[in-house]
Amino acid sequence: MADDVEAIRQLKARYFRLMDMKDWAGWARCFTEDVIVRVDSAVSDGRTLVAPFPLPAGRDAFVTQNAETLGGVVTVHHGHMPEITITSETTATGIWSMEDKLIWRDGSRLHGYGHYHETYRKEADGEWRIATLDLTRLRLDHTLAPAR
């Protein structure tokens, strides 16, 4: 069980690093084929999404949309203090405190704080992958690009 918890921690570390490095093929391997992702576009209570941003279901569509949306954006994602529970030999849940910074080419910035609420599934190849991901926000600081 401790090995599974560590494997999930390593999975989430790869998730953050590969997204920030824009390694979309590597990032795709963090997810199940049928992944469902919901990201809050507003501040909530940290438990329930209040304004889910529309994202496509499934790994290929989700990764493609992120590659198109974030390809030219500098991103820095941090995950902290995971609460991971192994629920069976092949399933687990996790909650991660998070902070992210996004900086667009025009100078606009977003700085967010919140929580990832996730489920994980151990696939036939023995690797843990993210099966569902809900990102709730406790705070969002958005700075528009300076006027030119």
C-alpha atoms as a PDB file:
ATOM      1  CA  MET A   1       0.000   0.000   0.000  1.00  0.00           C
ATOM      2  CA  ALA A   2       2.823   2.446   0.813  1.00  0.00           C
ATOM      3  CA  ASP A   3       4.291   1.705  -2.624  1.00  0.00           C
ATOM      4  CA  ASP A   4       0.958   2.592  -4.233  1.00  0.00           C
ATOM      5  CA  VAL A   5       0.732   5.881  -2.326  1.00  0.00           C
ATOM      6  CA  GLU A   6       4.266   6.757  -3.421  1.00  0.00           C
ATOM      7  CA  ALA A   7       3.452   5.805  -7.029  1.00  0.00           C
ATOM      8  CA  ILE A   8       0.478   8.197  -6.964  1.00  0.00           C
ATOM      9  CA  ARG A   9       2.673  10.975  -5.527  1.00  0.00           C
ATOM     10  CA  GLN A  10       5.144  10.394  -8.354  1.00  0.00           C
ATOM     11  CA  LEU A  11       2.275  10.430 -10.873  1.00  0.00           C
ATOM     12  CA  LYS A  12       1.094  13.831  -9.644  1.00  0.00           C
ATOM     13  CA  ALA A  13       4.645  15.195  -9.669  1.00  0.00           C
ATOM     14  CA  ARG A  14       4.950  14.129 -13.316  1.00  0.00           C
ATOM     15  CA  TYR A  15       1.551  15.687 -14.052  1.00  0.00           C
ATOM     16  CA  PHE A  16       2.757  19.103 -12.835  1.00  0.00           C
ATOM     17  CA  ARG A  17       6.226  18.929 -14.396  1.00  0.00           C
ATOM     18  CA  LEU A  18       5.131  17.634 -17.794  1.00  0.00           C
ATOM     19  CA  MET A  19       2.334  20.204 -18.084  1.00  0.00           C
ATOM     20  CA  ASP A  20       4.684  23.070 -17.241  1.00  0.00           C
ATOM     21  CA  MET A  21       7.321  21.709 -19.661  1.00  0.00           C
ATOM     22  CA  LYS A  22       4.630  21.373 -22.383  1.00  0.00           C
ATOM     23  CA  ASP A  23       5.488  17.684 -22.885  1.00  0.00           C
ATOM     24  CA  TRP A  24       1.992  16.826 -24.042  1.00  0.00           C
ATOM     25  CA  ALA A  25       2.738  13.220 -25.031  1.00  0.00           C
ATOM     26  CA  GLY A  26       4.255  12.529 -21.619  1.00  0.00           C
ATOM     27  CA  TRP A  27       1.454  14.425 -19.872  1.00  0.00           C
ATOM     28  CA  ALA A  28      -1.156  12.304 -21.696  1.00  0.00           C
ATOM     29  CA  ARG A  29       0.288   9.186 -20.055  1.00  0.00           C
ATOM     30  CA  CYS A  30      -0.785  10.585 -16.661  1.00  0.00           C
ATOM     31  CA  PHE A  31      -4.463   9.969 -17.504  1.00  0.00           C
ATOM     32  CA  THR A  32      -6.790   7.082 -18.176  1.00  0.00           C
ATOM     33  CA  GLU A  33      -8.254   7.028 -21.683  1.00  0.00           C
ATOM     34  CA  ASP A  34     -11.681   7.936 -20.312  1.00  0.00           C
ATOM     35  CA  VAL A  35     -10.531  10.677 -17.918  1.00  0.00           C
ATOM     36  CA  ILE A  36     -13.098  13.249 -16.819  1.00  0.00           C
ATOM     37  CA  VAL A  37     -11.738  16.680 -15.862  1.00  0.00           C
ATOM     38  CA  ARG A  38     -13.668  19.588 -14.388  1.00  0.00           C
ATOM     39  CA  VAL A  39     -11.955  22.888 -13.569  1.00  0.00           C
ATOM     40  CA  ASP A  40     -13.676  25.671 -11.660  1.00  0.00           C
ATOM     41  CA  SER A  41     -13.445  29.054 -13.361  1.00  0.00           C
ATOM     42  CA  ALA A  42     -14.636  30.843 -10.208  1.00  0.00           C
ATOM     43  CA  VAL A  43     -13.903  30.897  -6.503  1.00  0.00           C
ATOM     44  CA  SER A  44     -15.776  28.247  -4.523  1.00  0.00           C
ATOM     45  CA  ASP A  45     -15.773  26.733  -1.061  1.00  0.00           C
ATOM     46  CA  GLY A  46     -12.891  24.451  -2.014  1.00  0.00           C
ATOM     47  CA  ARG A  47     -15.136  21.382  -2.080  1.00  0.00           C
ATOM     48  CA  THR A  48     -17.693  21.904  -4.850  1.00  0.00           C
ATOM     49  CA  LEU A  49     -17.299  23.458  -8.288  1.00  0.00           C
ATOM     50  CA  VAL A  50     -19.513  26.506  -8.772  1.00  0.00           C
ATOM     51  CA  ALA A  51     -18.653  27.417 -12.384  1.00  0.00           C
ATOM     52  CA  PRO A  52     -17.077  24.459 -14.189  1.00  0.00           C
ATOM     53  CA  PHE A  53     -15.073  25.476 -17.247  1.00  0.00           C
ATOM     54  CA  PRO A  54     -16.175  23.315 -20.191  1.00  0.00           C
ATOM     55  CA  LEU A  55     -13.537  20.690 -20.981  1.00  0.00           C
ATOM     56  CA  PRO A  56     -13.809  17.723 -23.328  1.00  0.00           C
ATOM     57  CA  ALA A  57     -14.068  14.220 -21.869  1.00  0.00           C
ATOM     58  CA  GLY A  58     -11.390  11.675 -22.666  1.00  0.00           C
ATOM     59  CA  ARG A  59      -7.624  11.869 -22.588  1.00  0.00           C
ATOM     60  CA  ASP A  60      -6.951  12.698 -26.236  1.00  0.00           C
ATOM     61  CA  ALA A  61      -9.478  15.542 -26.464  1.00  0.00           C
ATOM     62  CA  PHE A  62      -8.512  16.963 -23.068  1.00  0.00           C
ATOM     63  CA  VAL A  63      -4.769  16.939 -23.775  1.00  0.00           C
ATOM     64  CA  THR A  64      -5.273  18.423 -27.245  1.00  0.00           C
ATOM     65  CA  GLN A  65      -7.349  21.291 -25.841  1.00  0.00           C
ATOM     66  CA  ASN A  66      -4.738  22.034 -23.166  1.00  0.00           C
ATOM     67  CA  ALA A  67      -1.912  21.941 -25.690  1.00  0.00           C
ATOM     68  CA  GLU A  68      -3.779  24.484 -27.832  1.00  0.00           C
ATOM     69  CA  THR A  69      -4.813  26.681 -24.896  1.00  0.00           C
ATOM     70  CA  LEU A  70      -1.601  26.628 -22.856  1.00  0.00           C
ATOM     71  CA  GLY A  71       1.021  26.066 -25.551  1.00  0.00           C
ATOM     72  CA  GLY A  72       2.205  29.683 -25.498  1.00  0.00           C
ATOM     73  CA  VAL A  73       1.571  30.307 -21.805  1.00  0.00           C
ATOM     74  CA  VAL A  74       4.241  30.054 -19.109  1.00  0.00           C
ATOM     75  CA  THR A  75       2.735  27.911 -16.367  1.00  0.00           C
ATOM     76  CA  VAL A  76       3.954  26.994 -12.903  1.00  0.00           C
ATOM     77  CA  HIS A  77       1.922  24.413 -10.987  1.00  0.00           C
ATOM     78  CA  HIS A  78       2.566  23.229  -7.444  1.00  0.00           C
ATOM     79  CA  GLY A  79       0.778  20.499  -5.497  1.00  0.00           C
ATOM     80  CA  HIS A  80       1.145  20.183  -1.746  1.00  0.00           C
ATOM     81  CA  MET A  81       0.118  18.031   1.208  1.00  0.00           C
ATOM     82  CA  PRO A  82      -1.576  15.114  -0.573  1.00  0.00           C
ATOM     83  CA  GLU A  83      -4.290  13.147   1.192  1.00  0.00           C
ATOM     84  CA  ILE A  84      -4.225   9.816  -0.638  1.00  0.00           C
ATOM     85  CA  THR A  85      -6.512   6.909   0.218  1.00  0.00           C
ATOM     86  CA  ILE A  86      -6.151   3.502  -1.420  1.00  0.00           C
ATOM     87  CA  THR A  87      -9.722   2.243  -1.859  1.00  0.00           C
ATOM     88  CA  SER A  88      -8.967  -1.108  -3.542  1.00  0.00           C
ATOM     89  CA  GLU A  89      -6.084  -2.868  -5.281  1.00  0.00           C
ATOM     90  CA  THR A  90      -6.743  -0.772  -8.388  1.00  0.00           C
ATOM     91  CA  THR A  91      -8.460   2.425  -7.182  1.00  0.00           C
ATOM     92  CA  ALA A  92      -7.585   5.377  -4.983  1.00  0.00           C
ATOM     93  CA  THR A  93      -8.677   8.912  -4.158  1.00  0.00           C
ATOM     94  CA  GLY A  94      -6.639  12.014  -3.472  1.00  0.00           C
ATOM     95  CA  ILE A  95      -6.920  15.654  -2.516  1.00  0.00           C
ATOM     96  CA  TRP A  96      -4.013  18.019  -3.157  1.00  0.00           C
ATOM     97  CA  SER A  97      -3.651  21.641  -2.104  1.00  0.00           C
ATOM     98  CA  MET A  98      -2.509  23.553  -5.161  1.00  0.00           C
ATOM     99  CA  GLU A  99      -1.159  26.833  -6.433  1.00  0.00           C
ATOM    100  CA  ASP A 100      -0.761  27.785 -10.071  1.00  0.00           C
ATOM    101  CA  LYS A 101       0.582  30.754 -11.993  1.00  0.00           C
ATOM    102  CA  LEU A 102      -0.074  31.395 -15.659  1.00  0.00           C
ATOM    103  CA  ILE A 103       1.604  34.166 -17.625  1.00  0.00           C
ATOM    104  CA  TRP A 104       0.456  34.978 -21.166  1.00  0.00           C
ATOM    105  CA  ARG A 105       2.664  36.557 -23.838  1.00  0.00           C
ATOM    106  CA  ASP A 106       0.838  39.883 -23.522  1.00  0.00           C
ATOM    107  CA  GLY A 107       1.692  40.063 -19.810  1.00  0.00           C
ATOM    108  CA  SER A 108      -1.692  38.972 -18.448  1.00  0.00           C
ATOM    109  CA  ARG A 109      -1.390  36.782 -15.379  1.00  0.00           C
ATOM    110  CA  LEU A 110      -3.477  34.392 -13.354  1.00  0.00           C
ATOM    111  CA  HIS A 111      -2.511  33.220  -9.873  1.00  0.00           C
ATOM    112  CA  GLY A 112      -4.771  30.584  -8.355  1.00  0.00           C
ATOM    113  CA  TYR A 113      -5.055  28.641  -5.141  1.00  0.00           C
ATOM    114  CA  GLY A 114      -7.271  25.671  -4.424  1.00  0.00           C
ATOM    115  CA  HIS A 115      -7.541  21.906  -4.375  1.00  0.00           C
ATOM    116  CA  TYR A 116      -7.356  18.998  -6.769  1.00  0.00           C
ATOM    117  CA  HIS A 117      -9.939  16.298  -5.950  1.00  0.00           C
ATOM    118  CA  GLU A 118      -8.972  13.173  -7.874  1.00  0.00           C
ATOM    119  CA  THR A 119      -9.572   9.502  -8.375  1.00  0.00           C
ATOM    120  CA  TYR A 120      -6.883   7.153  -9.648  1.00  0.00           C
ATOM    121  CA  ARG A 121      -6.973   3.800 -11.351  1.00  0.00           C
ATOM    122  CA  LYS A 122      -4.196   1.243 -11.661  1.00  0.00           C
ATOM    123  CA  GLU A 123      -4.252   0.120 -15.276  1.00  0.00           C
ATOM    124  CA  ALA A 124      -3.478  -3.330 -16.711  1.00  0.00           C
ATOM    125  CA  ASP A 125       0.159  -2.281 -17.210  1.00  0.00           C
ATOM    126  CA  GLY A 126       0.478  -1.748 -13.428  1.00  0.00           C
ATOM    127  CA  GLU A 127       0.696   2.062 -13.709  1.00  0.00           C
ATOM    128  CA  TRP A 128      -1.503   4.433 -11.710  1.00  0.00           C
ATOM    129  CA  ARG A 129      -3.290   7.089 -13.766  1.00  0.00           C
ATOM    130  CA  ILE A 130      -5.661   9.958 -13.048  1.00  0.00           C
ATOM    131  CA  ALA A 131      -9.249   8.855 -13.802  1.00  0.00           C
ATOM    132  CA  THR A 132     -11.134  11.952 -12.615  1.00  0.00           C
ATOM    133  CA  LEU A 133      -9.891  15.406 -11.688  1.00  0.00           C
ATOM    134  CA  ASP A 134     -11.908  18.257 -10.190  1.00  0.00           C
ATOM    135  CA  LEU A 135     -10.036  21.498  -9.529  1.00  0.00           C
ATOM    136  CA  THR A 136     -11.722  23.864  -7.079  1.00  0.00           C
ATOM    137  CA  ARG A 137     -10.473  27.383  -6.409  1.00  0.00           C
ATOM    138  CA  LEU A 138     -10.274  29.243  -3.106  1.00  0.00           C
ATOM    139  CA  ARG A 139      -8.806  32.358  -4.684  1.00  0.00           C
ATOM    140  CA  LEU A 140      -8.064  33.672  -8.164  1.00  0.00           C
ATOM    141  CA  ASP A 141      -5.940  36.745  -8.826  1.00  0.00           C
ATOM    142  CA  HIS A 142      -6.148  37.844 -12.445  1.00  0.00           C
ATOM    143  CA  THR A 143      -4.038  40.717 -13.744  1.00  0.00           C
ATOM    144  CA  LEU A 144      -4.687  42.065 -17.225  1.00  0.00           C
ATOM    145  CA  ALA A 145      -1.854  43.005 -19.538  1.00  0.00           C
ATOM    146  CA  PRO A 146      -0.600  46.572 -19.117  1.00  0.00           C
ATOM    147  CA  ALA A 147      -1.995  49.073 -21.615  1.00  0.00           C
ATOM    148  CA  ARG A 148       0.391  49.895 -24.417  1.00  0.00           C
END
